Amino acid sequence: MSIAEKMRLQPGSFRGVQFLVESESVERGKKHVVHEYPNTDQRFVEELGKLPPTFNLNMIVHGFDAINDRIRLENALEQEGQGLLVHPIYGRLDVSVLTFSVSSNQREI
């Protein structure tokens, strides 16, 4: 990815650590309970409201201090409890981190 392409990426942050969002997705839905009855093929689906959204972000940490920023981001992601995510589309959200993975590419800027 070139510098010009990186300049078009939207910024975000988690617990104050800045990053660029390369890609993002959100999963939404509704909670359901399926009631099935013995000796019949009938069922009743009861809606129980909305599921909280689940976000997946591919983030880029870059710049002259990228290694230290990456360590700061990893530490922020490992902290207990909810943290403030500033999302480029959904704005400020208190979120819980379920899982994360880290990779690096030394050939890219």
Protein backbone atom coordinates (compact mmCIF):
# COMPACT_ATOMS: atom_id res chain seq x y z
CA MET A 1 0.00 0.00 0.00
CA SER A 2 1.44 3.34 -1.01
CA ILE A 3 1.64 6.44 1.17
CA ALA A 4 -1.07 8.08 -0.98
CA GLU A 5 -3.39 5.11 -0.39
CA LYS A 6 -2.73 5.23 3.36
CA MET A 7 -3.57 8.95 3.40
CA ARG A 8 -7.12 8.11 2.23
CA LEU A 9 -7.74 5.67 5.10
CA GLN A 10 -10.02 6.81 7.91
CA PRO A 11 -8.49 7.34 11.36
CA GLY A 12 -9.68 5.65 14.50
CA SER A 13 -8.48 5.03 18.02
CA PHE A 14 -8.90 2.66 20.92
CA ARG A 15 -8.23 3.88 24.46
CA GLY A 16 -6.43 6.84 22.93
CA VAL A 17 -4.07 4.84 20.68
CA GLN A 18 -4.39 6.08 17.10
CA PHE A 19 -4.59 3.83 14.01
CA LEU A 20 -5.88 3.84 10.43
CA VAL A 21 -8.77 1.58 9.46
CA GLU A 22 -7.88 -0.49 6.40
CA SER A 23 -11.17 -2.40 6.43
CA GLU A 24 -14.08 -2.98 8.77
CA SER A 25 -17.19 -5.05 9.05
CA VAL A 26 -20.09 -5.18 11.47
CA GLU A 27 -22.36 -8.09 12.34
CA ARG A 28 -25.84 -7.38 13.61
CA GLY A 29 -28.93 -9.43 14.27
CA LYS A 30 -31.69 -10.31 16.67
CA LYS A 31 -31.87 -12.64 19.66
CA HIS A 32 -34.32 -15.51 19.23
CA VAL A 33 -35.73 -18.40 21.21
CA VAL A 34 -37.09 -21.30 19.21
CA HIS A 35 -39.93 -23.14 20.94
CA GLU A 36 -40.38 -26.67 19.61
CA TYR A 37 -43.21 -28.90 20.73
CA PRO A 38 -43.12 -32.68 21.27
CA ASN A 39 -44.80 -35.00 18.76
CA THR A 40 -45.24 -32.25 16.17
CA ASP A 41 -43.22 -30.43 13.55
CA GLN A 42 -44.58 -27.09 14.73
CA ARG A 43 -42.37 -24.41 16.22
CA PHE A 44 -42.69 -20.85 17.39
CA VAL A 45 -39.84 -18.34 17.07
CA GLU A 46 -39.86 -15.61 19.70
CA GLU A 47 -37.82 -12.45 19.11
CA LEU A 48 -36.01 -11.11 22.18
CA GLY A 49 -34.59 -7.87 20.84
CA LYS A 50 -31.44 -6.86 19.04
CA LEU A 51 -28.00 -8.39 19.46
CA PRO A 52 -25.26 -5.89 20.24
CA PRO A 53 -23.15 -5.29 17.13
CA THR A 54 -19.85 -7.10 16.68
CA PHE A 55 -17.12 -5.13 14.89
CA ASN A 56 -14.13 -6.52 13.03
CA LEU A 57 -11.44 -3.98 12.20
CA ASN A 58 -8.24 -4.32 10.21
CA MET A 59 -6.07 -1.55 11.59
CA ILE A 60 -2.77 -0.13 10.42
CA VAL A 61 -0.31 1.37 12.88
CA HIS A 62 2.31 3.34 11.00
CA GLY A 63 4.76 6.19 11.30
CA PHE A 64 8.19 6.78 12.81
CA ASP A 65 7.13 5.34 16.18
CA ALA A 66 5.04 2.46 14.78
CA ILE A 67 6.68 -0.25 16.89
CA ASN A 68 5.96 1.57 20.16
CA ASP A 69 2.45 2.47 18.96
CA ARG A 70 1.82 -1.19 18.14
CA ILE A 71 2.91 -2.19 21.65
CA ARG A 72 0.67 0.52 23.13
CA LEU A 73 -2.28 -0.74 21.02
CA GLU A 74 -1.69 -4.35 22.06
CA ASN A 75 -1.57 -3.28 25.72
CA ALA A 76 -4.79 -1.29 25.27
CA LEU A 77 -6.51 -4.30 23.68
CA GLU A 78 -5.42 -6.58 26.54
CA GLN A 79 -6.76 -4.34 29.33
CA GLU A 80 -9.79 -5.56 31.24
CA GLY A 81 -13.20 -3.96 30.89
CA GLN A 82 -14.71 -1.78 28.24
CA GLY A 83 -12.71 0.84 26.37
CA LEU A 84 -13.53 3.78 24.15
CA LEU A 85 -13.37 2.96 20.43
CA VAL A 86 -13.52 5.92 18.07
CA HIS A 87 -14.88 4.30 14.91
CA PRO A 88 -14.72 6.20 11.60
CA ILE A 89 -18.35 5.40 10.77
CA TYR A 90 -20.14 4.76 14.09
CA GLY A 91 -18.30 7.36 16.18
CA ARG A 92 -17.55 6.94 19.88
CA LEU A 93 -18.46 3.52 21.31
CA ASP A 94 -17.74 1.77 24.60
CA VAL A 95 -16.67 -1.70 23.51
CA SER A 96 -15.30 -4.93 24.91
CA VAL A 97 -12.48 -6.67 23.06
CA LEU A 98 -13.27 -10.34 22.49
CA THR A 99 -10.25 -11.39 20.41
CA PHE A 100 -7.49 -9.80 18.40
CA SER A 101 -4.54 -10.86 16.30
CA VAL A 102 -1.45 -8.97 15.19
CA SER A 103 0.60 -9.28 12.03
CA SER A 104 3.27 -7.16 10.41
CA ASN A 105 4.70 -6.66 6.97
CA GLN A 106 8.20 -5.22 6.81
CA ARG A 107 7.93 -4.62 3.05
CA GLU A 108 5.14 -2.08 3.36
CA ILE A 109 5.43 1.44 4.65
